[in-house]
């Protein structure tokens, strides 16, 4: 396994990107098709958000998640599904009273943010250990909510992918592990370049990698133009990688990516230059310790 790297493909995300690149999948059918194409190109894991198929806006509808999951599983039972639980964490202060949620707020409780995980039981789901300024809005994940979400995820038999955007969030994750809410060995995703988290630099990556628990399995990614430079740095440090239209809309400078599969193909090519190979889904399950305690 020393030369194997798990590639995760983040398919669509939740920002207003379909207007910027028409390749960003929107409908459940398009998201499922994109997942299957990414898997064929070399992604062992597909990370799934869903959108309103009419408007393209981010959605938390269980029916949309179910439609994507069932379509993917019907045609490829091997690829690893990773469902987001980040949806429902956005808070925008209102006017004139900032204590009242304003337009754009999606903030809901732990049950609403994990009901699709309980219903569909993917092998992995994200758990964002992050309260931060996320661009111009707030991304809220209180310790109490995180404990509740972690217990629901554990009860569903799902492996949490612990997403961290800055150093202090790793410290909170370590605390939740010590409390027993997050099982060992933990699976971490280091997210770099998101305003206003840690920058997508080798220095930030090294600092965050150094604070992970010793038994952690980890991946990392940078967004935008830093996607592929960070992929090379992550792979060189022995981590697993993530690409996809959620994180980056371009295949190269000035050239929009025609698909998620194209970004995965470029990742496979870059890894080959580093003498690394994409892990198969079966190998990814072993690397990510899927099926061990907590997932």
C-alpha atoms as a PDB file:
ATOM      1  CA  UNK A   1       0.000   0.000   0.000  1.00  0.00           C
ATOM      2  CA  UNK A   2       3.008   2.321   0.294  1.00  0.00           C
ATOM      3  CA  UNK A   3       2.607   3.579  -3.266  1.00  0.00           C
ATOM      4  CA  UNK A   4      -1.189   3.828  -3.174  1.00  0.00           C
ATOM      5  CA  UNK A   5      -3.033   7.138  -2.788  1.00  0.00           C
ATOM      6  CA  UNK A   6      -6.774   7.444  -2.275  1.00  0.00           C
ATOM      7  CA  UNK A   7      -8.396   9.959  -4.624  1.00  0.00           C
ATOM      8  CA  UNK A   8     -11.633  11.540  -3.450  1.00  0.00           C
ATOM      9  CA  UNK A   9     -13.695  13.473  -5.987  1.00  0.00           C
ATOM     10  CA  UNK A  10     -15.897  16.258  -4.572  1.00  0.00           C
ATOM     11  CA  UNK A  11     -18.602  16.486  -7.194  1.00  0.00           C
ATOM     12  CA  UNK A  12     -20.666  19.650  -6.817  1.00  0.00           C
ATOM     13  CA  UNK A  13     -20.444  21.454  -3.463  1.00  0.00           C
ATOM     14  CA  UNK A  14     -22.908  24.111  -2.354  1.00  0.00           C
ATOM     15  CA  UNK A  15     -21.707  27.411  -3.798  1.00  0.00           C
ATOM     16  CA  UNK A  16     -23.091  29.232  -6.830  1.00  0.00           C
ATOM     17  CA  UNK A  17     -20.662  27.516  -9.200  1.00  0.00           C
ATOM     18  CA  UNK A  18     -22.966  26.080 -11.910  1.00  0.00           C
ATOM     19  CA  UNK A  19     -23.264  29.594 -13.361  1.00  0.00           C
ATOM     20  CA  UNK A  20     -19.468  29.764 -13.591  1.00  0.00           C
ATOM     21  CA  UNK A  21     -18.919  26.322 -15.105  1.00  0.00           C
ATOM     22  CA  UNK A  22     -21.814  24.432 -16.720  1.00  0.00           C
ATOM     23  CA  UNK A  23     -20.018  21.138 -16.070  1.00  0.00           C
ATOM     24  CA  UNK A  24     -20.929  21.374 -12.362  1.00  0.00           C
ATOM     25  CA  UNK A  25     -23.647  18.708 -11.931  1.00  0.00           C
ATOM     26  CA  UNK A  26     -26.966  19.855 -10.469  1.00  0.00           C
ATOM     27  CA  UNK A  27     -29.720  17.246 -10.788  1.00  0.00           C
ATOM     28  CA  UNK A  28     -29.544  13.922  -8.937  1.00  0.00           C
ATOM     29  CA  UNK A  29     -29.098  12.162 -12.287  1.00  0.00           C
ATOM     30  CA  UNK A  30     -26.240  14.486 -13.302  1.00  0.00           C
ATOM     31  CA  UNK A  31     -24.527  14.139  -9.911  1.00  0.00           C
ATOM     32  CA  UNK A  32     -24.806  10.339 -10.071  1.00  0.00           C
ATOM     33  CA  UNK A  33     -23.496  10.246 -13.633  1.00  0.00           C
ATOM     34  CA  UNK A  34     -20.584  12.484 -12.638  1.00  0.00           C
ATOM     35  CA  UNK A  35     -19.811  10.219  -9.687  1.00  0.00           C
ATOM     36  CA  UNK A  36     -19.696   7.174 -11.925  1.00  0.00           C
ATOM     37  CA  UNK A  37     -17.454   8.932 -14.455  1.00  0.00           C
ATOM     38  CA  UNK A  38     -15.107  10.051 -11.674  1.00  0.00           C
ATOM     39  CA  UNK A  39     -14.936   6.505 -10.327  1.00  0.00           C
ATOM     40  CA  UNK A  40     -14.123   5.153 -13.784  1.00  0.00           C
ATOM     41  CA  UNK A  41     -11.326   7.729 -14.046  1.00  0.00           C
ATOM     42  CA  UNK A  42      -9.704   6.584 -10.798  1.00  0.00           C
ATOM     43  CA  UNK A  43     -11.558   8.089  -7.819  1.00  0.00           C
ATOM     44  CA  UNK A  44     -12.114   5.548  -5.046  1.00  0.00           C
ATOM     45  CA  UNK A  45     -14.360   7.939  -3.090  1.00  0.00           C
ATOM     46  CA  UNK A  46     -17.030  10.366  -4.297  1.00  0.00           C
ATOM     47  CA  UNK A  47     -18.046  13.212  -1.981  1.00  0.00           C
ATOM     48  CA  UNK A  48     -21.678  14.185  -2.442  1.00  0.00           C
ATOM     49  CA  UNK A  49     -23.704  17.345  -1.869  1.00  0.00           C
ATOM     50  CA  UNK A  50     -27.106  17.718  -3.526  1.00  0.00           C
ATOM     51  CA  UNK A  51     -28.833  20.665  -5.178  1.00  0.00           C
ATOM     52  CA  UNK A  52     -32.338  21.711  -6.096  1.00  0.00           C
ATOM     53  CA  UNK A  53     -32.590  20.425  -9.672  1.00  0.00           C
ATOM     54  CA  UNK A  54     -34.749  23.398 -10.697  1.00  0.00           C
ATOM     55  CA  UNK A  55     -32.683  26.255  -9.254  1.00  0.00           C
ATOM     56  CA  UNK A  56     -29.238  24.752  -8.697  1.00  0.00           C
ATOM     57  CA  UNK A  57     -29.306  26.035  -5.095  1.00  0.00           C
ATOM     58  CA  UNK A  58     -27.871  23.836  -2.335  1.00  0.00           C
ATOM     59  CA  UNK A  59     -30.386  21.408  -0.867  1.00  0.00           C
ATOM     60  CA  UNK A  60     -30.777  19.149   2.149  1.00  0.00           C
ATOM     61  CA  UNK A  61     -33.656  17.124   0.684  1.00  0.00           C
ATOM     62  CA  UNK A  62     -33.417  13.466   1.616  1.00  0.00           C
ATOM     63  CA  UNK A  63     -35.133  12.531  -1.640  1.00  0.00           C
ATOM     64  CA  UNK A  64     -32.310  14.104  -3.660  1.00  0.00           C
ATOM     65  CA  UNK A  65     -29.656  12.266  -1.639  1.00  0.00           C
ATOM     66  CA  UNK A  66     -31.562   9.026  -2.009  1.00  0.00           C
ATOM     67  CA  UNK A  67     -31.870   9.490  -5.772  1.00  0.00           C
ATOM     68  CA  UNK A  68     -28.108  10.040  -6.144  1.00  0.00           C
ATOM     69  CA  UNK A  69     -27.123   7.180  -3.852  1.00  0.00           C
ATOM     70  CA  UNK A  70     -29.495   4.672  -5.439  1.00  0.00           C
ATOM     71  CA  UNK A  71     -28.404   5.594  -8.966  1.00  0.00           C
ATOM     72  CA  UNK A  72     -24.713   5.229  -8.112  1.00  0.00           C
ATOM     73  CA  UNK A  73     -25.134   1.988  -6.181  1.00  0.00           C
ATOM     74  CA  UNK A  74     -27.225   0.462  -8.973  1.00  0.00           C
ATOM     75  CA  UNK A  75     -24.372   0.879 -11.454  1.00  0.00           C
ATOM     76  CA  UNK A  76     -21.261   0.728  -9.251  1.00  0.00           C
ATOM     77  CA  UNK A  77     -21.483  -1.031  -5.910  1.00  0.00           C
ATOM     78  CA  UNK A  78     -17.744  -0.662  -5.295  1.00  0.00           C
ATOM     79  CA  UNK A  79     -17.083   3.090  -5.222  1.00  0.00           C
ATOM     80  CA  UNK A  80     -17.117   4.572  -1.702  1.00  0.00           C
ATOM     81  CA  UNK A  81     -19.859   7.119  -1.025  1.00  0.00           C
ATOM     82  CA  UNK A  82     -19.075  10.088   1.217  1.00  0.00           C
ATOM     83  CA  UNK A  83     -22.104  12.249   2.051  1.00  0.00           C
ATOM     84  CA  UNK A  84     -21.708  15.755   3.419  1.00  0.00           C
ATOM     85  CA  UNK A  85     -23.143  16.859   6.757  1.00  0.00           C
ATOM     86  CA  UNK A  86     -21.861  20.407   6.265  1.00  0.00           C
ATOM     87  CA  UNK A  87     -25.185  21.574   4.877  1.00  0.00           C
ATOM     88  CA  UNK A  88     -27.234  23.307   7.566  1.00  0.00           C
ATOM     89  CA  UNK A  89     -24.280  25.041   9.225  1.00  0.00           C
ATOM     90  CA  UNK A  90     -24.540  28.489   7.632  1.00  0.00           C
ATOM     91  CA  UNK A  91     -25.592  31.546   9.660  1.00  0.00           C
ATOM     92  CA  UNK A  92     -25.995  35.056   8.279  1.00  0.00           C
ATOM     93  CA  UNK A  93     -26.738  37.783  10.883  1.00  0.00           C
ATOM     94  CA  UNK A  94     -29.930  39.660  10.134  1.00  0.00           C
ATOM     95  CA  UNK A  95     -30.609  43.379   9.998  1.00  0.00           C
ATOM     96  CA  UNK A  96     -31.258  45.291  12.142  1.00  0.00           C
ATOM     97  CA  UNK A  97     -30.992  42.546  14.790  1.00  0.00           C
ATOM     98  CA  UNK A  98     -27.909  40.361  14.166  1.00  0.00           C
ATOM     99  CA  UNK A  99     -29.204  37.786  16.664  1.00  0.00           C
ATOM    100  CA  UNK A 100     -31.991  36.972  14.221  1.00  0.00           C
ATOM    101  CA  UNK A 101     -31.046  34.846  11.223  1.00  0.00           C
ATOM    102  CA  UNK A 102     -30.927  36.786   7.982  1.00  0.00           C
ATOM    103  CA  UNK A 103     -31.417  35.741   4.347  1.00  0.00           C
ATOM    104  CA  UNK A 104     -29.076  32.935   3.336  1.00  0.00           C
ATOM    105  CA  UNK A 105     -29.093  31.251   6.744  1.00  0.00           C
ATOM    106  CA  UNK A 106     -29.457  27.458   6.648  1.00  0.00           C
ATOM    107  CA  UNK A 107     -28.587  26.741  10.282  1.00  0.00           C
ATOM    108  CA  UNK A 108     -30.420  23.700  11.692  1.00  0.00           C
ATOM    109  CA  UNK A 109     -29.871  21.151  14.439  1.00  0.00           C
ATOM    110  CA  UNK A 110     -27.831  17.935  14.418  1.00  0.00           C
ATOM    111  CA  UNK A 111     -30.754  15.637  13.575  1.00  0.00           C
ATOM    112  CA  UNK A 112     -31.624  17.521  10.392  1.00  0.00           C
ATOM    113  CA  UNK A 113     -27.982  17.575   9.326  1.00  0.00           C
ATOM    114  CA  UNK A 114     -27.545  13.812   9.698  1.00  0.00           C
ATOM    115  CA  UNK A 115     -30.933  12.335   8.762  1.00  0.00           C
ATOM    116  CA  UNK A 116     -29.726  11.359   5.273  1.00  0.00           C
ATOM    117  CA  UNK A 117     -26.746   9.571   6.844  1.00  0.00           C
ATOM    118  CA  UNK A 118     -29.064   7.587   9.112  1.00  0.00           C
ATOM    119  CA  UNK A 119     -31.400   6.785   6.228  1.00  0.00           C
ATOM    120  CA  UNK A 120     -28.845   5.908   3.557  1.00  0.00           C
ATOM    121  CA  UNK A 121     -25.855   4.656   5.591  1.00  0.00           C
ATOM    122  CA  UNK A 122     -22.953   5.569   3.323  1.00  0.00           C
ATOM    123  CA  UNK A 123     -19.541   4.228   4.250  1.00  0.00           C
ATOM    124  CA  UNK A 124     -18.245   7.741   5.009  1.00  0.00           C
ATOM    125  CA  UNK A 125     -19.756  11.120   5.852  1.00  0.00           C
ATOM    126  CA  UNK A 126     -18.055  14.389   6.646  1.00  0.00           C
ATOM    127  CA  UNK A 127     -18.029  15.980  10.098  1.00  0.00           C
ATOM    128  CA  UNK A 128     -16.848  19.587   9.996  1.00  0.00           C
ATOM    129  CA  UNK A 129     -14.995  20.463  13.197  1.00  0.00           C
ATOM    130  CA  UNK A 130     -15.244  24.141  12.333  1.00  0.00           C
ATOM    131  CA  UNK A 131     -16.850  27.318  13.569  1.00  0.00           C
ATOM    132  CA  UNK A 132     -15.390  30.105  11.469  1.00  0.00           C
ATOM    133  CA  UNK A 133     -15.916  32.955   9.057  1.00  0.00           C
ATOM    134  CA  UNK A 134     -16.567  31.096   5.803  1.00  0.00           C
ATOM    135  CA  UNK A 135     -16.263  33.783   3.184  1.00  0.00           C
ATOM    136  CA  UNK A 136     -18.866  36.394   4.141  1.00  0.00           C
ATOM    137  CA  UNK A 137     -21.050  34.172   6.329  1.00  0.00           C
ATOM    138  CA  UNK A 138     -20.556  32.155   9.501  1.00  0.00           C
ATOM    139  CA  UNK A 139     -20.119  28.394   9.546  1.00  0.00           C
ATOM    140  CA  UNK A 140     -21.319  27.124  12.933  1.00  0.00           C
ATOM    141  CA  UNK A 141     -20.547  23.771  14.524  1.00  0.00           C
ATOM    142  CA  UNK A 142     -20.733  23.967  18.295  1.00  0.00           C
ATOM    143  CA  UNK A 143     -19.083  21.268  20.417  1.00  0.00           C
ATOM    144  CA  UNK A 144     -22.499  20.114  21.658  1.00  0.00           C
ATOM    145  CA  UNK A 145     -23.816  19.790  18.104  1.00  0.00           C
ATOM    146  CA  UNK A 146     -20.666  17.965  17.034  1.00  0.00           C
ATOM    147  CA  UNK A 147     -21.031  15.467  19.879  1.00  0.00           C
ATOM    148  CA  UNK A 148     -24.635  14.802  18.905  1.00  0.00           C
ATOM    149  CA  UNK A 149     -23.771  14.425  15.223  1.00  0.00           C
ATOM    150  CA  UNK A 150     -20.828  12.143  16.016  1.00  0.00           C
ATOM    151  CA  UNK A 151     -23.050   9.842  18.065  1.00  0.00           C
ATOM    152  CA  UNK A 152     -25.677   9.680  15.315  1.00  0.00           C
ATOM    153  CA  UNK A 153     -22.989   8.898  12.742  1.00  0.00           C
ATOM    154  CA  UNK A 154     -21.546   6.180  14.972  1.00  0.00           C
ATOM    155  CA  UNK A 155     -25.006   4.652  15.511  1.00  0.00           C
ATOM    156  CA  UNK A 156     -25.464   4.474  11.731  1.00  0.00           C
ATOM    157  CA  UNK A 157     -22.200   2.540  11.390  1.00  0.00           C
ATOM    158  CA  UNK A 158     -20.638   5.258   9.261  1.00  0.00           C
ATOM    159  CA  UNK A 159     -17.005   6.430   9.309  1.00  0.00           C
ATOM    160  CA  UNK A 160     -16.746  10.181   9.981  1.00  0.00           C
ATOM    161  CA  UNK A 161     -14.296  12.099   7.817  1.00  0.00           C
ATOM    162  CA  UNK A 162     -13.195  14.838  10.199  1.00  0.00           C
ATOM    163  CA  UNK A 163     -12.866  18.048   8.170  1.00  0.00           C
ATOM    164  CA  UNK A 164     -10.571  20.703   9.633  1.00  0.00           C
ATOM    165  CA  UNK A 165      -9.863  24.133   8.206  1.00  0.00           C
ATOM    166  CA  UNK A 166      -7.366  25.500  10.754  1.00  0.00           C
ATOM    167  CA  UNK A 167      -5.131  24.444  13.627  1.00  0.00           C
ATOM    168  CA  UNK A 168      -7.542  25.103  16.483  1.00  0.00           C
ATOM    169  CA  UNK A 169     -10.097  22.801  14.904  1.00  0.00           C
ATOM    170  CA  UNK A 170      -7.624  19.927  15.108  1.00  0.00           C
ATOM    171  CA  UNK A 171      -7.334  20.608  18.838  1.00  0.00           C
ATOM    172  CA  UNK A 172     -11.123  20.375  19.208  1.00  0.00           C
ATOM    173  CA  UNK A 173     -11.119  17.136  17.205  1.00  0.00           C
ATOM    174  CA  UNK A 174      -8.422  15.709  19.477  1.00  0.00           C
ATOM    175  CA  UNK A 175     -10.563  16.662  22.473  1.00  0.00           C
ATOM    176  CA  UNK A 176     -13.615  14.899  21.017  1.00  0.00           C
ATOM    177  CA  UNK A 177     -11.468  11.822  20.356  1.00  0.00           C
ATOM    178  CA  UNK A 178     -10.217  11.897  23.951  1.00  0.00           C
ATOM    179  CA  UNK A 179     -13.817  12.137  25.182  1.00  0.00           C
ATOM    180  CA  UNK A 180     -14.701   9.070  23.127  1.00  0.00           C
ATOM    181  CA  UNK A 181     -17.125  10.794  20.757  1.00  0.00           C
ATOM    182  CA  UNK A 182     -14.848  10.149  17.780  1.00  0.00           C
ATOM    183  CA  UNK A 183     -13.357   6.688  17.526  1.00  0.00           C
ATOM    184  CA  UNK A 184      -9.821   5.670  16.728  1.00  0.00           C
ATOM    185  CA  UNK A 185      -8.261   5.453  14.246  1.00  0.00           C
ATOM    186  CA  UNK A 186      -9.610   8.830  13.080  1.00  0.00           C
ATOM    187  CA  UNK A 187      -9.925   9.847   9.439  1.00  0.00           C
ATOM    188  CA  UNK A 188      -9.036  13.512   8.790  1.00  0.00           C
ATOM    189  CA  UNK A 189      -9.500  15.793   5.790  1.00  0.00           C
ATOM    190  CA  UNK A 190      -7.337  18.950   5.882  1.00  0.00           C
ATOM    191  CA  UNK A 191      -9.124  21.699   3.922  1.00  0.00           C
ATOM    192  CA  UNK A 192      -6.861  24.516   2.714  1.00  0.00           C
ATOM    193  CA  UNK A 193      -7.445  27.838   1.012  1.00  0.00           C
ATOM    194  CA  UNK A 194     -11.061  28.371   2.091  1.00  0.00           C
ATOM    195  CA  UNK A 195     -11.650  31.975   3.174  1.00  0.00           C
ATOM    196  CA  UNK A 196     -10.975  32.435   6.096  1.00  0.00           C
ATOM    197  CA  UNK A 197      -9.269  29.258   7.114  1.00  0.00           C
ATOM    198  CA  UNK A 198      -5.677  28.111   6.768  1.00  0.00           C
ATOM    199  CA  UNK A 199      -4.032  29.090   3.464  1.00  0.00           C
ATOM    200  CA  UNK A 200      -3.222  26.538   0.771  1.00  0.00           C
ATOM    201  CA  UNK A 201       0.524  26.524   1.394  1.00  0.00           C
ATOM    202  CA  UNK A 202       3.028  23.802   2.154  1.00  0.00           C
ATOM    203  CA  UNK A 203       3.827  25.545   5.450  1.00  0.00           C
ATOM    204  CA  UNK A 204       0.185  25.436   6.594  1.00  0.00           C
ATOM    205  CA  UNK A 205      -0.157  21.829   5.448  1.00  0.00           C
ATOM    206  CA  UNK A 206       2.939  20.775   7.376  1.00  0.00           C
ATOM    207  CA  UNK A 207       1.801  22.582  10.531  1.00  0.00           C
ATOM    208  CA  UNK A 208      -1.631  20.959  10.439  1.00  0.00           C
ATOM    209  CA  UNK A 209      -0.273  17.528   9.580  1.00  0.00           C
ATOM    210  CA  UNK A 210       2.046  17.746  12.586  1.00  0.00           C
ATOM    211  CA  UNK A 211      -0.897  18.266  14.982  1.00  0.00           C
ATOM    212  CA  UNK A 212      -2.929  15.260  13.828  1.00  0.00           C
ATOM    213  CA  UNK A 213      -3.134  12.316  16.226  1.00  0.00           C
ATOM    214  CA  UNK A 214      -0.384   9.773  15.649  1.00  0.00           C
ATOM    215  CA  UNK A 215      -2.811   7.108  14.442  1.00  0.00           C
ATOM    216  CA  UNK A 216      -4.713   9.423  12.086  1.00  0.00           C
ATOM    217  CA  UNK A 217      -5.306   8.526   8.465  1.00  0.00           C
ATOM    218  CA  UNK A 218      -5.431  11.734   6.468  1.00  0.00           C
ATOM    219  CA  UNK A 219      -6.184  13.469   3.226  1.00  0.00           C
ATOM    220  CA  UNK A 220      -5.840  17.112   2.245  1.00  0.00           C
ATOM    221  CA  UNK A 221      -6.698  19.464  -0.592  1.00  0.00           C
ATOM    222  CA  UNK A 222      -6.376  23.061  -1.764  1.00  0.00           C
ATOM    223  CA  UNK A 223      -9.026  24.961  -3.665  1.00  0.00           C
ATOM    224  CA  UNK A 224      -8.952  26.891  -6.935  1.00  0.00           C
ATOM    225  CA  UNK A 225      -5.578  27.335  -8.571  1.00  0.00           C
ATOM    226  CA  UNK A 226      -3.950  25.636  -5.570  1.00  0.00           C
ATOM    227  CA  UNK A 227      -5.724  22.313  -6.147  1.00  0.00           C
ATOM    228  CA  UNK A 228      -2.970  20.569  -8.079  1.00  0.00           C
ATOM    229  CA  UNK A 229       0.088  22.183  -6.418  1.00  0.00           C
ATOM    230  CA  UNK A 230      -1.318  21.070  -3.064  1.00  0.00           C
ATOM    231  CA  UNK A 231      -2.120  17.618  -4.446  1.00  0.00           C
ATOM    232  CA  UNK A 232       1.559  17.165  -5.259  1.00  0.00           C
ATOM    233  CA  UNK A 233       2.622  18.356  -1.798  1.00  0.00           C
ATOM    234  CA  UNK A 234       0.078  16.162  -0.025  1.00  0.00           C
ATOM    235  CA  UNK A 235       1.064  13.057  -1.988  1.00  0.00           C
ATOM    236  CA  UNK A 236       4.752  13.743  -1.365  1.00  0.00           C
ATOM    237  CA  UNK A 237       4.009  13.883   2.383  1.00  0.00           C
ATOM    238  CA  UNK A 238       2.207  10.543   2.242  1.00  0.00           C
ATOM    239  CA  UNK A 239      -1.351  11.857   2.407  1.00  0.00           C
ATOM    240  CA  UNK A 240      -4.395  11.057   0.330  1.00  0.00           C
ATOM    241  CA  UNK A 241      -5.861  13.601  -2.063  1.00  0.00           C
ATOM    242  CA  UNK A 242      -9.070  15.258  -3.213  1.00  0.00           C
ATOM    243  CA  UNK A 243     -10.052  16.992  -6.435  1.00  0.00           C
ATOM    244  CA  UNK A 244     -13.362  17.933  -8.020  1.00  0.00           C
ATOM    245  CA  UNK A 245     -15.617  20.711  -9.225  1.00  0.00           C
ATOM    246  CA  UNK A 246     -16.629  21.534  -5.654  1.00  0.00           C
ATOM    247  CA  UNK A 247     -13.102  22.793  -5.062  1.00  0.00           C
ATOM    248  CA  UNK A 248     -11.877  23.983  -8.453  1.00  0.00           C
ATOM    249  CA  UNK A 249     -13.587  24.827 -11.746  1.00  0.00           C
ATOM    250  CA  UNK A 250     -10.504  24.812 -13.982  1.00  0.00           C
ATOM    251  CA  UNK A 251      -8.457  22.055 -15.562  1.00  0.00           C
ATOM    252  CA  UNK A 252      -5.608  24.474 -16.234  1.00  0.00           C
ATOM    253  CA  UNK A 253      -5.107  28.231 -16.292  1.00  0.00           C
ATOM    254  CA  UNK A 254      -7.969  29.804 -18.239  1.00  0.00           C
ATOM    255  CA  UNK A 255      -9.460  26.429 -19.238  1.00  0.00           C
ATOM    256  CA  UNK A 256     -12.657  25.317 -17.537  1.00  0.00           C
ATOM    257  CA  UNK A 257     -12.728  21.678 -16.473  1.00  0.00           C
ATOM    258  CA  UNK A 258     -15.123  19.779 -18.743  1.00  0.00           C
ATOM    259  CA  UNK A 259     -16.028  17.283 -16.009  1.00  0.00           C
ATOM    260  CA  UNK A 260     -15.126  15.875 -12.630  1.00  0.00           C
ATOM    261  CA  UNK A 261     -13.609  12.906 -14.449  1.00  0.00           C
ATOM    262  CA  UNK A 262     -11.153  15.231 -16.220  1.00  0.00           C
ATOM    263  CA  UNK A 263      -9.919  16.530 -12.864  1.00  0.00           C
ATOM    264  CA  UNK A 264      -9.516  12.959 -11.588  1.00  0.00           C
ATOM    265  CA  UNK A 265      -7.599  12.002 -14.746  1.00  0.00           C
ATOM    266  CA  UNK A 266      -5.210  14.902 -14.189  1.00  0.00           C
ATOM    267  CA  UNK A 267      -4.753  13.817 -10.573  1.00  0.00           C
ATOM    268  CA  UNK A 268      -3.938  10.264 -11.680  1.00  0.00           C
ATOM    269  CA  UNK A 269      -1.387  11.620 -14.165  1.00  0.00           C
ATOM    270  CA  UNK A 270       0.255  13.849 -11.578  1.00  0.00           C
ATOM    271  CA  UNK A 271       0.442  11.017  -9.061  1.00  0.00           C
ATOM    272  CA  UNK A 272       2.146   8.845 -11.678  1.00  0.00           C
ATOM    273  CA  UNK A 273       4.930  11.418 -11.959  1.00  0.00           C
ATOM    274  CA  UNK A 274       5.405  11.006  -8.202  1.00  0.00           C
ATOM    275  CA  UNK A 275       5.545   7.204  -8.552  1.00  0.00           C
ATOM    276  CA  UNK A 276       2.197   6.812  -6.840  1.00  0.00           C
ATOM    277  CA  UNK A 277      -0.904   4.957  -8.005  1.00  0.00           C
ATOM    278  CA  UNK A 278      -4.583   5.604  -7.303  1.00  0.00           C
ATOM    279  CA  UNK A 279      -5.996   3.210  -4.734  1.00  0.00           C
ATOM    280  CA  UNK A 280      -8.897   1.030  -5.794  1.00  0.00           C
ATOM    281  CA  UNK A 281     -12.052   1.244  -3.660  1.00  0.00           C
ATOM    282  CA  UNK A 282     -11.058  -2.013  -1.928  1.00  0.00           C
ATOM    283  CA  UNK A 283      -7.597  -0.617  -1.187  1.00  0.00           C
ATOM    284  CA  UNK A 284      -9.137   2.662  -0.027  1.00  0.00           C
ATOM    285  CA  UNK A 285     -11.304   0.777   2.459  1.00  0.00           C
ATOM    286  CA  UNK A 286      -8.169  -0.761   3.942  1.00  0.00           C
ATOM    287  CA  UNK A 287      -6.260   2.547   3.979  1.00  0.00           C
ATOM    288  CA  UNK A 288      -9.191   4.468   5.534  1.00  0.00           C
ATOM    289  CA  UNK A 289      -9.873   1.632   8.025  1.00  0.00           C
ATOM    290  CA  UNK A 290     -13.489   1.456   6.949  1.00  0.00           C
ATOM    291  CA  UNK A 291     -15.210  -1.253   8.908  1.00  0.00           C
ATOM    292  CA  UNK A 292     -13.073  -0.671  12.005  1.00  0.00           C
ATOM    293  CA  UNK A 293     -14.444   0.790  15.233  1.00  0.00           C
ATOM    294  CA  UNK A 294     -16.562   3.871  14.573  1.00  0.00           C
ATOM    295  CA  UNK A 295     -17.223   3.237  10.906  1.00  0.00           C
END
